[in-house]
Amino acid sequence: MFKPFVGVALAALFAVSAVAHAEDAGPIVIKFSHVVSDDTPKGKGALLFK
């Protein structure tokens, strides 16, 4: 009965620490391998991230 509780407690601790670590990270920069125009499918997808 004690082992499942320890497993759940460790999983919760890991989840909380992962969220705290993600908040400390800087902004995510997405770079394309080449320049695209706004009217292409890749350009339209890139505009969604603005």
C-alpha atoms as a PDB file:
ATOM      1  CA  MET A   1       0.000   0.000   0.000  1.00  0.00           C
ATOM      2  CA  PHE A   2       2.904   2.342   0.623  1.00  0.00           C
ATOM      3  CA  LYS A   3       4.674   1.789  -2.732  1.00  0.00           C
ATOM      4  CA  PRO A   4       1.874   3.196  -4.943  1.00  0.00           C
ATOM      5  CA  PHE A   5       1.712   6.304  -2.753  1.00  0.00           C
ATOM      6  CA  VAL A   6       5.459   6.845  -3.128  1.00  0.00           C
ATOM      7  CA  GLY A   7       5.182   6.433  -6.893  1.00  0.00           C
ATOM      8  CA  VAL A   8       2.363   8.956  -7.146  1.00  0.00           C
ATOM      9  CA  ALA A   9       4.211  11.399  -4.887  1.00  0.00           C
ATOM     10  CA  LEU A  10       7.386  11.147  -6.973  1.00  0.00           C
ATOM     11  CA  ALA A  11       5.434  11.610 -10.214  1.00  0.00           C
ATOM     12  CA  ALA A  12       3.749  14.723  -8.812  1.00  0.00           C
ATOM     13  CA  LEU A  13       7.086  16.119  -7.645  1.00  0.00           C
ATOM     14  CA  PHE A  14       8.609  15.510 -11.071  1.00  0.00           C
ATOM     15  CA  ALA A  15       5.669  17.201 -12.821  1.00  0.00           C
ATOM     16  CA  VAL A  16       5.899  20.288 -10.604  1.00  0.00           C
ATOM     17  CA  SER A  17       9.661  20.573 -11.059  1.00  0.00           C
ATOM     18  CA  ALA A  18       9.331  20.209 -14.851  1.00  0.00           C
ATOM     19  CA  VAL A  19       6.831  23.084 -14.978  1.00  0.00           C
ATOM     20  CA  ALA A  20       9.076  25.264 -12.819  1.00  0.00           C
ATOM     21  CA  HIS A  21      12.038  24.517 -15.086  1.00  0.00           C
ATOM     22  CA  ALA A  22      10.039  25.348 -18.224  1.00  0.00           C
ATOM     23  CA  GLU A  23       9.068  28.748 -16.806  1.00  0.00           C
ATOM     24  CA  ASP A  24      12.740  29.687 -16.362  1.00  0.00           C
ATOM     25  CA  ALA A  25      13.519  29.097 -20.041  1.00  0.00           C
ATOM     26  CA  GLY A  26      13.812  32.029 -22.421  1.00  0.00           C
ATOM     27  CA  PRO A  27      11.668  32.621 -25.468  1.00  0.00           C
ATOM     28  CA  ILE A  28      11.570  29.984 -28.183  1.00  0.00           C
ATOM     29  CA  VAL A  29      12.980  31.169 -31.520  1.00  0.00           C
ATOM     30  CA  ILE A  30      11.882  29.347 -34.676  1.00  0.00           C
ATOM     31  CA  LYS A  31      14.238  29.767 -37.627  1.00  0.00           C
ATOM     32  CA  PHE A  32      13.494  28.612 -41.168  1.00  0.00           C
ATOM     33  CA  SER A  33      16.213  27.217 -43.391  1.00  0.00           C
ATOM     34  CA  HIS A  34      15.384  29.723 -46.132  1.00  0.00           C
ATOM     35  CA  VAL A  35      13.336  32.850 -46.670  1.00  0.00           C
ATOM     36  CA  VAL A  36       9.662  32.306 -47.483  1.00  0.00           C
ATOM     37  CA  SER A  37       7.034  34.756 -48.652  1.00  0.00           C
ATOM     38  CA  ASP A  38       3.822  35.370 -46.730  1.00  0.00           C
ATOM     39  CA  ASP A  39       1.560  33.914 -49.442  1.00  0.00           C
ATOM     40  CA  THR A  40       3.114  30.413 -49.484  1.00  0.00           C
ATOM     41  CA  PRO A  41       1.880  27.603 -47.207  1.00  0.00           C
ATOM     42  CA  LYS A  42       5.070  27.771 -45.123  1.00  0.00           C
ATOM     43  CA  GLY A  43       4.804  31.554 -44.891  1.00  0.00           C
ATOM     44  CA  LYS A  44       1.165  31.366 -43.802  1.00  0.00           C
ATOM     45  CA  GLY A  45       2.126  28.861 -41.116  1.00  0.00           C
ATOM     46  CA  ALA A  46       4.948  31.113 -39.940  1.00  0.00           C
ATOM     47  CA  LEU A  47       2.550  34.038 -39.631  1.00  0.00           C
ATOM     48  CA  LEU A  48       0.483  32.033 -37.141  1.00  0.00           C
ATOM     49  CA  PHE A  49       3.420  32.156 -34.702  1.00  0.00           C
ATOM     50  CA  LYS A  50       3.673  35.961 -34.667  1.00  0.00           C
END
